[in-house]
Amino acid sequence: MAKANVYNMAGQQVGEIELSEAVFGIEPNQAVVHEVVKNHLANCRQGTQSALTRAEVSGGGKKPWRQKGTGHARQGSTRAPQWTHGGIVFAPKPRDYSYTLNKKVKRLALKSALSAKAASGDILVVDGLKLDAIKTKDMRNFLNAVEAGKSVVITPEVDEIVVKSARNIPGVVTTTAKVLSVYDIVNAKRLVVDKAALAIIEEVFA
């Protein structure tokens, strides 16, 4: 059974905790994780790229020279793609890149990502993740003490003090137990999980 070390806010290890086999002990499915990460990145695309085709560029209504007899290649418009200031061939237009995946696929990918982190020993459980005040220095000191580095901090509910204390630390993302992102988990070096949040994860995703 997978286990994780439990730390206090001073960064000291105070014990171990067993992780649910149903969530943290499955065989990771890399293909599904790749598909979900690709879906996440596609859904993040703005899709606002736009350029003008030859039909949309102003001007070019007059034939630049007669069809035959000049020695030049025949041309019908100065806004054709081969001309300077001409239109773009197959110009990109605003579009929606997002698409949906099955819920079972998303859940399998999440369990796979969590199981991979558990297998590599990169899940750190905190026995009460609380800060007295909004202070980036305190949060940074705690993360340095547990050697978290680039990490995802998971709390049971939205904790404004934790969120605001961590938001200016490069590479640190905060989220809640019920709103986990496969992309964030894969992108992070370690997961820093509140003990209460761990119980919610095991209850919701088992």
Protein backbone atom coordinates (compact mmCIF):
# COMPACT_ATOMS: atom_id res chain seq x y z
CA MET A 1 0.00 0.00 0.00
CA ALA A 2 1.24 3.48 -0.90
CA LYS A 3 2.26 5.72 1.99
CA ALA A 4 3.09 9.41 2.37
CA ASN A 5 5.04 11.30 5.01
CA VAL A 6 3.12 13.66 7.30
CA TYR A 7 4.68 17.02 8.22
CA ASN A 8 3.76 19.86 10.54
CA MET A 9 3.93 23.55 9.60
CA ALA A 10 7.50 23.71 10.93
CA GLY A 11 8.54 21.29 8.21
CA GLN A 12 9.21 18.43 10.61
CA GLN A 13 8.07 14.90 9.81
CA VAL A 14 5.57 13.75 12.43
CA GLY A 15 4.50 10.40 10.99
CA GLU A 16 3.22 8.47 7.99
CA ILE A 17 -0.21 7.95 6.50
CA GLU A 18 -1.54 5.20 4.26
CA LEU A 19 -3.02 6.29 0.95
CA SER A 20 -6.12 4.78 -0.65
CA GLU A 21 -5.26 2.06 -3.18
CA ALA A 22 -8.30 3.02 -5.26
CA VAL A 23 -6.98 6.54 -5.85
CA PHE A 24 -3.23 6.43 -5.27
CA GLY A 25 -2.40 2.80 -6.03
CA ILE A 26 -3.53 2.10 -9.61
CA GLU A 27 -1.28 1.39 -12.59
CA PRO A 28 -0.81 4.81 -14.28
CA ASN A 29 -2.25 5.01 -17.79
CA GLN A 30 0.12 7.37 -19.62
CA ALA A 31 -1.95 7.48 -22.82
CA VAL A 32 -5.02 8.74 -20.95
CA VAL A 33 -2.97 11.30 -18.99
CA HIS A 34 -1.50 12.59 -22.28
CA GLU A 35 -4.98 12.88 -23.79
CA VAL A 36 -6.32 14.87 -20.82
CA VAL A 37 -3.30 17.21 -20.72
CA LYS A 38 -3.68 17.80 -24.47
CA ASN A 39 -7.39 18.54 -23.94
CA HIS A 40 -6.57 21.01 -21.16
CA LEU A 41 -4.07 22.90 -23.32
CA ALA A 42 -6.51 22.95 -26.26
CA ASN A 43 -9.28 24.32 -24.04
CA CYS A 44 -6.92 27.07 -22.85
CA ARG A 45 -6.28 28.35 -26.37
CA GLN A 46 -7.90 31.70 -27.08
CA GLY A 47 -8.34 30.99 -30.78
CA THR A 48 -8.36 34.70 -31.64
CA GLN A 49 -5.71 34.54 -34.38
CA SER A 50 -6.90 36.24 -37.55
CA ALA A 51 -5.51 37.35 -40.94
CA LEU A 52 -6.98 38.65 -44.19
CA THR A 53 -7.56 36.55 -47.29
CA ARG A 54 -7.16 38.09 -50.78
CA ALA A 55 -10.91 38.75 -50.81
CA GLU A 56 -10.66 40.84 -47.63
CA VAL A 57 -7.60 43.00 -48.38
CA SER A 58 -8.62 46.44 -49.63
CA GLY A 59 -7.64 47.42 -53.16
CA GLY A 60 -6.54 45.24 -56.04
CA GLY A 61 -9.68 45.65 -58.08
CA LYS A 62 -7.90 46.74 -61.24
CA LYS A 63 -5.92 44.28 -63.38
CA PRO A 64 -2.29 45.57 -63.06
CA TRP A 65 -1.48 45.17 -66.79
CA ARG A 66 -3.02 43.63 -69.86
CA GLN A 67 -3.13 39.85 -70.17
CA LYS A 68 -0.67 39.43 -73.05
CA GLY A 69 2.23 41.17 -74.73
CA THR A 70 4.04 42.81 -71.78
CA GLY A 71 6.60 40.08 -71.03
CA HIS A 72 5.28 39.87 -67.47
CA ALA A 73 3.44 36.90 -66.05
CA ARG A 74 -0.32 37.34 -66.24
CA GLN A 75 -1.81 38.94 -63.12
CA GLY A 76 -5.39 39.65 -62.17
CA SER A 77 -4.95 41.55 -58.90
CA THR A 78 -2.24 43.24 -56.81
CA ARG A 79 -3.78 41.64 -53.71
CA ALA A 80 -3.03 38.04 -54.74
CA PRO A 81 -0.92 36.15 -52.17
CA GLN A 82 2.33 36.37 -54.16
CA TRP A 83 2.22 40.19 -54.08
CA THR A 84 3.55 42.39 -51.28
CA HIS A 85 0.52 43.59 -49.29
CA GLY A 86 -1.46 40.71 -50.78
CA GLY A 87 -3.81 38.45 -48.86
CA ILE A 88 -2.83 35.31 -46.93
CA VAL A 89 -3.44 31.86 -48.41
CA PHE A 90 -5.74 29.87 -46.09
CA ALA A 91 -5.67 32.75 -43.57
CA PRO A 92 -6.26 31.70 -39.94
CA LYS A 93 -9.60 32.83 -38.54
CA PRO A 94 -11.01 32.97 -35.00
CA ARG A 95 -12.09 29.50 -33.92
CA ASP A 96 -12.85 27.44 -30.84
CA TYR A 97 -10.23 24.77 -30.16
CA SER A 98 -11.98 23.27 -27.13
CA TYR A 99 -13.47 19.79 -27.07
CA THR A 100 -14.86 17.48 -24.39
CA LEU A 101 -13.68 14.17 -22.97
CA ASN A 102 -15.64 11.48 -21.17
CA LYS A 103 -15.85 11.80 -17.38
CA LYS A 104 -14.43 8.28 -16.97
CA VAL A 105 -11.38 9.25 -19.02
CA LYS A 106 -10.80 12.37 -16.90
CA ARG A 107 -11.17 10.41 -13.67
CA LEU A 108 -8.78 7.68 -14.83
CA ALA A 109 -6.23 10.31 -15.83
CA LEU A 110 -6.51 12.01 -12.43
CA LYS A 111 -6.04 8.73 -10.57
CA SER A 112 -3.11 7.88 -12.84
CA ALA A 113 -1.42 11.22 -12.14
CA LEU A 114 -1.98 10.89 -8.37
CA SER A 115 -0.75 7.29 -8.38
CA ALA A 116 2.41 8.27 -10.26
CA LYS A 117 3.15 10.98 -7.69
CA ALA A 118 2.51 8.53 -4.83
CA ALA A 119 4.78 5.89 -6.40
CA SER A 120 7.63 8.39 -6.73
CA GLY A 121 7.19 9.63 -3.14
CA ASP A 122 6.26 13.15 -4.20
CA ILE A 123 3.09 13.51 -2.09
CA LEU A 124 3.59 15.40 1.18
CA VAL A 125 0.73 15.46 3.71
CA VAL A 126 0.49 18.39 6.11
CA ASP A 127 -1.15 17.93 9.51
CA GLY A 128 -3.13 21.16 9.44
CA LEU A 129 -2.09 23.53 6.63
CA LYS A 130 -2.77 26.89 8.29
CA LEU A 131 -1.10 30.30 8.33
CA ASP A 132 -1.79 33.02 10.87
CA ALA A 133 -1.63 35.88 8.36
CA ILE A 134 -1.18 36.56 4.65
CA LYS A 135 2.61 36.36 4.43
CA THR A 136 4.51 35.06 1.42
CA LYS A 137 7.68 34.64 3.48
CA ASP A 138 5.99 32.19 5.89
CA MET A 139 4.63 30.12 3.02
CA ARG A 140 7.98 30.10 1.25
CA ASN A 141 9.78 29.04 4.44
CA PHE A 142 7.36 26.15 4.92
CA LEU A 143 7.71 24.94 1.31
CA ASN A 144 11.50 25.20 1.55
CA ALA A 145 11.46 23.23 4.83
CA VAL A 146 9.61 20.31 3.20
CA GLU A 147 11.63 20.69 -0.03
CA ALA A 148 8.46 21.14 -2.09
CA GLY A 149 9.88 23.35 -4.85
CA LYS A 150 7.52 23.53 -7.85
CA SER A 151 4.35 22.24 -6.23
CA VAL A 152 0.56 22.13 -6.01
CA VAL A 153 -0.83 23.06 -2.59
CA ILE A 154 -4.18 21.36 -1.96
CA THR A 155 -6.55 22.59 0.77
CA PRO A 156 -9.99 21.22 1.81
CA GLU A 157 -11.77 24.48 0.98
CA VAL A 158 -10.67 27.82 -0.47
CA ASP A 159 -8.32 29.30 2.14
CA GLU A 160 -7.77 32.95 1.27
CA ILE A 161 -4.73 33.25 3.55
CA VAL A 162 -2.98 30.27 1.94
CA VAL A 163 -3.95 31.34 -1.60
CA LYS A 164 -2.70 34.92 -1.18
CA SER A 165 0.45 33.81 0.62
CA ALA A 166 1.40 31.43 -2.19
CA ARG A 167 0.32 33.32 -5.30
CA ASN A 168 3.57 35.30 -5.67
CA ILE A 169 5.82 32.23 -5.31
CA PRO A 170 6.98 31.07 -8.78
CA GLY A 171 5.92 27.54 -9.66
CA VAL A 172 3.43 27.18 -6.77
CA VAL A 173 -0.25 26.56 -7.54
CA THR A 174 -3.06 26.40 -4.98
CA THR A 175 -6.30 24.46 -5.42
CA THR A 176 -8.97 22.63 -3.46
CA ALA A 177 -9.51 18.90 -3.03
CA LYS A 178 -12.59 18.76 -5.27
CA VAL A 179 -11.07 20.80 -8.12
CA LEU A 180 -7.89 18.99 -9.13
CA SER A 181 -6.22 19.55 -12.49
CA VAL A 182 -4.30 16.70 -14.13
CA TYR A 183 -2.17 19.29 -15.94
CA ASP A 184 -1.16 21.00 -12.67
CA ILE A 185 -0.34 17.66 -11.02
CA VAL A 186 1.78 16.48 -13.95
CA ASN A 187 3.48 19.88 -14.21
CA ALA A 188 4.40 20.03 -10.51
CA LYS A 189 7.34 18.39 -8.80
CA ARG A 190 5.41 17.64 -5.59
CA LEU A 191 1.91 17.72 -4.13
CA VAL A 192 1.49 19.36 -0.73
CA VAL A 193 -1.83 18.10 0.63
CA ASP A 194 -3.66 19.10 3.79
CA LYS A 195 -4.67 16.02 5.79
CA ALA A 196 -8.35 17.00 5.63
CA ALA A 197 -8.05 17.55 1.87
CA LEU A 198 -6.56 14.08 1.47
CA ALA A 199 -9.66 12.55 3.10
CA ILE A 200 -11.90 14.49 0.68
CA ILE A 201 -9.85 13.34 -2.35
CA GLU A 202 -10.11 9.71 -1.26
CA GLU A 203 -13.86 10.06 -0.64
CA VAL A 204 -14.70 11.88 -3.88
CA PHE A 205 -12.48 10.05 -6.38
CA ALA A 206 -12.40 6.50 -4.96
